[in-house]
Amino acid sequence: MMEPGLNHILFISTALFFIGIFGFLTRRNLITMLMSIELVLNSVNINFVAFNKYLWPHKLDGLFFSIFVIAIAAAEAAVAIAIIINLYRSHQSIDVENAEDLKF
């Protein structure tokens, strides 16, 4: 079975990145925006692991960076979900347009 090369992995990572950016810019629901940010972070993790495997196979720097990004993404998701729950409790909606009331 043939192993995918670096170009294939980078293509998948780029596709995930642009799908995440597109989802973030076009959606109005805060949950789907959060999922789009997670897609962008996962594409970065794929890049870290791919470059670690193909450029520096005897080092673990890319793997450690990806574990760090996963930990940061988990903390970011927990804080964002707490904010979204409080927004829903106060406004009965998770639409981005209703979140503008939080500025004042």
N, C-alpha and C. Protein backbone atom coordinates (compact mmCIF):
# COMPACT_ATOMS: atom_id res chain seq x y z
N MET A 1 0.85 -1.17 0.00
CA MET A 1 0.00 0.00 0.00
C MET A 1 0.89 1.24 0.00
N MET A 2 0.55 2.19 -0.83
CA MET A 2 1.38 3.38 -0.97
C MET A 2 1.07 4.40 0.13
N GLU A 3 2.11 4.96 0.71
CA GLU A 3 1.97 5.95 1.76
C GLU A 3 1.80 7.34 1.13
N PRO A 4 0.88 8.15 1.65
CA PRO A 4 0.72 9.50 1.07
C PRO A 4 1.96 10.35 1.34
N GLY A 5 2.30 11.16 0.35
CA GLY A 5 3.46 12.03 0.49
C GLY A 5 3.12 13.33 1.20
N LEU A 6 4.14 14.15 1.34
CA LEU A 6 3.96 15.44 2.03
C LEU A 6 2.99 16.33 1.27
N ASN A 7 3.05 16.31 -0.06
CA ASN A 7 2.13 17.15 -0.85
C ASN A 7 0.67 16.78 -0.63
N HIS A 8 0.38 15.49 -0.52
CA HIS A 8 -0.99 15.04 -0.29
C HIS A 8 -1.50 15.51 1.08
N ILE A 9 -0.65 15.38 2.07
CA ILE A 9 -1.04 15.77 3.42
C ILE A 9 -1.23 17.29 3.50
N LEU A 10 -0.34 18.04 2.86
CA LEU A 10 -0.47 19.50 2.86
C LEU A 10 -1.71 19.95 2.09
N PHE A 11 -2.09 19.21 1.05
CA PHE A 11 -3.32 19.54 0.32
C PHE A 11 -4.54 19.35 1.21
N ILE A 12 -4.58 18.25 1.96
CA ILE A 12 -5.69 18.02 2.88
C ILE A 12 -5.72 19.09 3.97
N SER A 13 -4.56 19.44 4.48
CA SER A 13 -4.48 20.46 5.52
C SER A 13 -4.95 21.83 4.99
N THR A 14 -4.54 22.15 3.78
CA THR A 14 -4.97 23.42 3.18
C THR A 14 -6.47 23.44 2.95
N ALA A 15 -7.03 22.31 2.49
CA ALA A 15 -8.47 22.23 2.29
C ALA A 15 -9.21 22.42 3.61
N LEU A 16 -8.75 21.77 4.68
CA LEU A 16 -9.37 21.94 5.99
C LEU A 16 -9.28 23.39 6.46
N PHE A 17 -8.13 24.02 6.23
CA PHE A 17 -7.94 25.40 6.65
C PHE A 17 -8.94 26.32 5.96
N PHE A 18 -9.07 26.19 4.64
CA PHE A 18 -9.97 27.08 3.91
C PHE A 18 -11.44 26.77 4.16
N ILE A 19 -11.77 25.51 4.42
CA ILE A 19 -13.14 25.17 4.82
C ILE A 19 -13.46 25.82 6.16
N GLY A 20 -12.50 25.80 7.08
CA GLY A 20 -12.69 26.46 8.38
C GLY A 20 -12.84 27.96 8.25
N ILE A 21 -12.01 28.59 7.43
CA ILE A 21 -12.12 30.05 7.22
C ILE A 21 -13.44 30.39 6.56
N PHE A 22 -13.84 29.62 5.56
CA PHE A 22 -15.11 29.87 4.89
C PHE A 22 -16.27 29.72 5.86
N GLY A 23 -16.24 28.67 6.68
CA GLY A 23 -17.31 28.47 7.66
C GLY A 23 -17.36 29.58 8.69
N PHE A 24 -16.20 30.06 9.10
CA PHE A 24 -16.17 31.14 10.10
C PHE A 24 -16.73 32.45 9.52
N LEU A 25 -16.41 32.73 8.27
CA LEU A 25 -16.84 34.00 7.68
C LEU A 25 -18.29 33.99 7.20
N THR A 26 -18.86 32.83 6.92
CA THR A 26 -20.20 32.79 6.35
C THR A 26 -21.30 32.41 7.34
N ARG A 27 -20.98 31.83 8.45
CA ARG A 27 -22.01 31.38 9.40
C ARG A 27 -22.34 32.47 10.41
N ARG A 28 -23.57 32.41 10.91
CA ARG A 28 -24.00 33.35 11.94
C ARG A 28 -24.21 32.67 13.28
N ASN A 29 -24.21 31.35 13.28
CA ASN A 29 -24.41 30.59 14.50
C ASN A 29 -23.06 30.47 15.22
N LEU A 30 -23.02 30.79 16.50
CA LEU A 30 -21.77 30.78 17.24
C LEU A 30 -21.17 29.38 17.37
N ILE A 31 -22.01 28.36 17.45
CA ILE A 31 -21.50 26.99 17.56
C ILE A 31 -20.78 26.58 16.28
N THR A 32 -21.36 26.88 15.12
CA THR A 32 -20.70 26.52 13.87
C THR A 32 -19.45 27.37 13.64
N MET A 33 -19.43 28.59 14.15
CA MET A 33 -18.21 29.38 14.08
C MET A 33 -17.11 28.76 14.94
N LEU A 34 -17.48 28.26 16.10
CA LEU A 34 -16.52 27.59 16.97
C LEU A 34 -15.99 26.32 16.31
N MET A 35 -16.87 25.57 15.65
CA MET A 35 -16.43 24.37 14.94
C MET A 35 -15.48 24.73 13.79
N SER A 36 -15.71 25.85 13.15
CA SER A 36 -14.83 26.29 12.07
C SER A 36 -13.44 26.65 12.59
N ILE A 37 -13.40 27.28 13.74
CA ILE A 37 -12.10 27.59 14.35
C ILE A 37 -11.37 26.29 14.71
N GLU A 38 -12.11 25.30 15.17
CA GLU A 38 -11.49 24.01 15.48
C GLU A 38 -10.94 23.35 14.22
N LEU A 39 -11.62 23.50 13.08
CA LEU A 39 -11.09 22.97 11.82
C LEU A 39 -9.77 23.63 11.46
N VAL A 40 -9.69 24.94 11.65
CA VAL A 40 -8.44 25.65 11.35
C VAL A 40 -7.32 25.15 12.25
N LEU A 41 -7.61 24.97 13.53
CA LEU A 41 -6.58 24.48 14.45
C LEU A 41 -6.16 23.05 14.12
N ASN A 42 -7.10 22.23 13.68
CA ASN A 42 -6.75 20.86 13.29
C ASN A 42 -5.90 20.83 12.03
N SER A 43 -6.13 21.77 11.12
CA SER A 43 -5.28 21.82 9.93
C SER A 43 -3.85 22.21 10.31
N VAL A 44 -3.71 23.07 11.29
CA VAL A 44 -2.38 23.43 11.78
C VAL A 44 -1.71 22.21 12.42
N ASN A 45 -2.48 21.42 13.17
CA ASN A 45 -1.92 20.21 13.77
C ASN A 45 -1.45 19.22 12.71
N ILE A 46 -2.20 19.09 11.64
CA ILE A 46 -1.79 18.20 10.55
C ILE A 46 -0.47 18.68 9.96
N ASN A 47 -0.32 20.00 9.80
CA ASN A 47 0.93 20.55 9.28
C ASN A 47 2.10 20.24 10.22
N PHE A 48 1.90 20.44 11.51
CA PHE A 48 2.97 20.16 12.47
C PHE A 48 3.41 18.70 12.38
N VAL A 49 2.47 17.79 12.36
CA VAL A 49 2.81 16.37 12.33
C VAL A 49 3.45 15.98 11.00
N ALA A 50 2.93 16.53 9.90
CA ALA A 50 3.47 16.19 8.58
C ALA A 50 4.91 16.69 8.43
N PHE A 51 5.16 17.94 8.81
CA PHE A 51 6.52 18.46 8.69
C PHE A 51 7.47 17.74 9.65
N ASN A 52 6.97 17.36 10.80
CA ASN A 52 7.80 16.60 11.72
C ASN A 52 8.18 15.25 11.12
N LYS A 53 7.23 14.59 10.49
CA LYS A 53 7.49 13.25 9.93
C LYS A 53 8.42 13.30 8.73
N TYR A 54 8.23 14.26 7.85
CA TYR A 54 8.98 14.27 6.60
C TYR A 54 10.27 15.08 6.65
N LEU A 55 10.36 16.08 7.49
CA LEU A 55 11.57 16.91 7.52
C LEU A 55 12.51 16.54 8.66
N TRP A 56 11.95 16.28 9.83
CA TRP A 56 12.77 15.93 10.99
C TRP A 56 12.20 14.67 11.64
N PRO A 57 12.39 13.50 11.04
CA PRO A 57 11.73 12.29 11.55
C PRO A 57 12.23 11.81 12.91
N HIS A 58 13.42 12.25 13.32
CA HIS A 58 13.95 11.77 14.60
C HIS A 58 13.71 12.75 15.75
N LYS A 59 13.01 13.84 15.46
CA LYS A 59 12.66 14.79 16.51
C LYS A 59 11.16 14.70 16.80
N LEU A 60 10.76 15.18 17.95
CA LEU A 60 9.35 15.15 18.33
C LEU A 60 8.78 16.55 18.51
N ASP A 61 9.43 17.56 17.95
CA ASP A 61 8.97 18.94 18.15
C ASP A 61 7.56 19.15 17.59
N GLY A 62 7.30 18.66 16.38
CA GLY A 62 5.98 18.85 15.77
C GLY A 62 4.88 18.18 16.57
N LEU A 63 5.18 17.01 17.13
CA LEU A 63 4.18 16.31 17.94
C LEU A 63 3.89 17.06 19.23
N PHE A 64 4.93 17.60 19.85
CA PHE A 64 4.72 18.37 21.07
C PHE A 64 3.93 19.65 20.80
N PHE A 65 4.23 20.31 19.68
CA PHE A 65 3.46 21.50 19.31
C PHE A 65 2.00 21.15 19.07
N SER A 66 1.74 20.03 18.41
CA SER A 66 0.34 19.67 18.13
C SER A 66 -0.39 19.31 19.42
N ILE A 67 0.27 18.66 20.37
CA ILE A 67 -0.36 18.38 21.67
C ILE A 67 -0.66 19.69 22.40
N PHE A 68 0.25 20.65 22.32
CA PHE A 68 0.03 21.94 22.93
C PHE A 68 -1.17 22.66 22.28
N VAL A 69 -1.28 22.59 20.96
CA VAL A 69 -2.40 23.22 20.25
C VAL A 69 -3.71 22.54 20.63
N ILE A 70 -3.70 21.23 20.79
CA ILE A 70 -4.91 20.51 21.20
C ILE A 70 -5.35 20.95 22.60
N ALA A 71 -4.40 21.12 23.51
CA ALA A 71 -4.73 21.58 24.87
C ALA A 71 -5.30 22.99 24.84
N ILE A 72 -4.69 23.86 24.06
CA ILE A 72 -5.20 25.24 23.96
C ILE A 72 -6.58 25.25 23.32
N ALA A 73 -6.80 24.41 22.31
CA ALA A 73 -8.11 24.35 21.65
C ALA A 73 -9.19 23.85 22.59
N ALA A 74 -8.84 22.90 23.46
CA ALA A 74 -9.82 22.41 24.42
C ALA A 74 -10.20 23.50 25.42
N ALA A 75 -9.21 24.25 25.89
CA ALA A 75 -9.50 25.35 26.81
C ALA A 75 -10.32 26.43 26.11
N GLU A 76 -9.97 26.73 24.88
CA GLU A 76 -10.71 27.75 24.12
C GLU A 76 -12.15 27.31 23.89
N ALA A 77 -12.36 26.04 23.59
CA ALA A 77 -13.72 25.53 23.37
C ALA A 77 -14.53 25.58 24.65
N ALA A 78 -13.93 25.27 25.78
CA ALA A 78 -14.66 25.31 27.06
C ALA A 78 -15.09 26.73 27.39
N VAL A 79 -14.20 27.69 27.21
CA VAL A 79 -14.56 29.09 27.49
C VAL A 79 -15.61 29.58 26.51
N ALA A 80 -15.46 29.24 25.24
CA ALA A 80 -16.42 29.69 24.23
C ALA A 80 -17.80 29.09 24.47
N ILE A 81 -17.86 27.82 24.84
CA ILE A 81 -19.16 27.20 25.11
C ILE A 81 -19.81 27.83 26.34
N ALA A 82 -19.02 28.17 27.35
CA ALA A 82 -19.58 28.85 28.52
C ALA A 82 -20.15 30.21 28.13
N ILE A 83 -19.46 30.94 27.29
CA ILE A 83 -19.97 32.24 26.82
C ILE A 83 -21.24 32.05 26.00
N ILE A 84 -21.25 31.04 25.14
CA ILE A 84 -22.44 30.78 24.30
C ILE A 84 -23.63 30.39 25.16
N ILE A 85 -23.41 29.59 26.20
CA ILE A 85 -24.53 29.21 27.09
C ILE A 85 -25.08 30.43 27.81
N ASN A 86 -24.21 31.30 28.30
CA ASN A 86 -24.69 32.52 28.96
C ASN A 86 -25.40 33.44 27.99
N LEU A 87 -24.92 33.53 26.76
CA LEU A 87 -25.60 34.33 25.74
C LEU A 87 -26.98 33.76 25.44
N TYR A 88 -27.09 32.44 25.36
CA TYR A 88 -28.39 31.83 25.10
C TYR A 88 -29.35 32.05 26.26
N ARG A 89 -28.85 31.98 27.48
CA ARG A 89 -29.71 32.20 28.64
C ARG A 89 -30.25 33.62 28.70
N SER A 90 -29.44 34.58 28.28
CA SER A 90 -29.89 35.97 28.38
C SER A 90 -30.68 36.44 27.16
N HIS A 91 -30.38 35.90 25.97
CA HIS A 91 -31.02 36.40 24.74
C HIS A 91 -31.88 35.35 24.03
N GLN A 92 -31.89 34.12 24.50
CA GLN A 92 -32.65 33.02 23.89
C GLN A 92 -32.26 32.78 22.43
N SER A 93 -31.01 33.08 22.10
CA SER A 93 -30.52 32.87 20.73
C SER A 93 -28.99 32.80 20.78
N ILE A 94 -28.41 32.08 19.81
CA ILE A 94 -26.96 32.06 19.69
C ILE A 94 -26.54 32.65 18.35
N ASP A 95 -27.36 33.55 17.84
CA ASP A 95 -27.05 34.25 16.60
C ASP A 95 -26.01 35.33 16.88
N VAL A 96 -25.11 35.55 15.94
CA VAL A 96 -24.04 36.53 16.11
C VAL A 96 -24.60 37.94 16.22
N GLU A 97 -25.67 38.22 15.53
CA GLU A 97 -26.26 39.56 15.58
C GLU A 97 -26.73 39.91 16.99
N ASN A 98 -27.21 38.94 17.74
CA ASN A 98 -27.65 39.19 19.11
C ASN A 98 -26.48 39.36 20.07
N ALA A 99 -25.30 38.89 19.68
CA ALA A 99 -24.13 39.00 20.54
C ALA A 99 -23.60 40.42 20.57
N GLU A 100 -24.04 41.28 19.66
CA GLU A 100 -23.60 42.68 19.67
C GLU A 100 -24.08 43.43 20.91
N ASP A 101 -25.14 42.92 21.54
CA ASP A 101 -25.64 43.55 22.76
C ASP A 101 -24.66 43.42 23.91
N LEU A 102 -23.71 42.51 23.83
CA LEU A 102 -22.76 42.28 24.91
C LEU A 102 -21.70 43.37 24.98
N LYS A 103 -21.61 44.22 23.97
CA LYS A 103 -20.59 45.27 23.96
C LYS A 103 -20.82 46.31 25.04
N PHE A 104 -22.07 46.57 25.38
CA PHE A 104 -22.39 47.68 26.26
C PHE A 104 -22.60 47.24 27.68
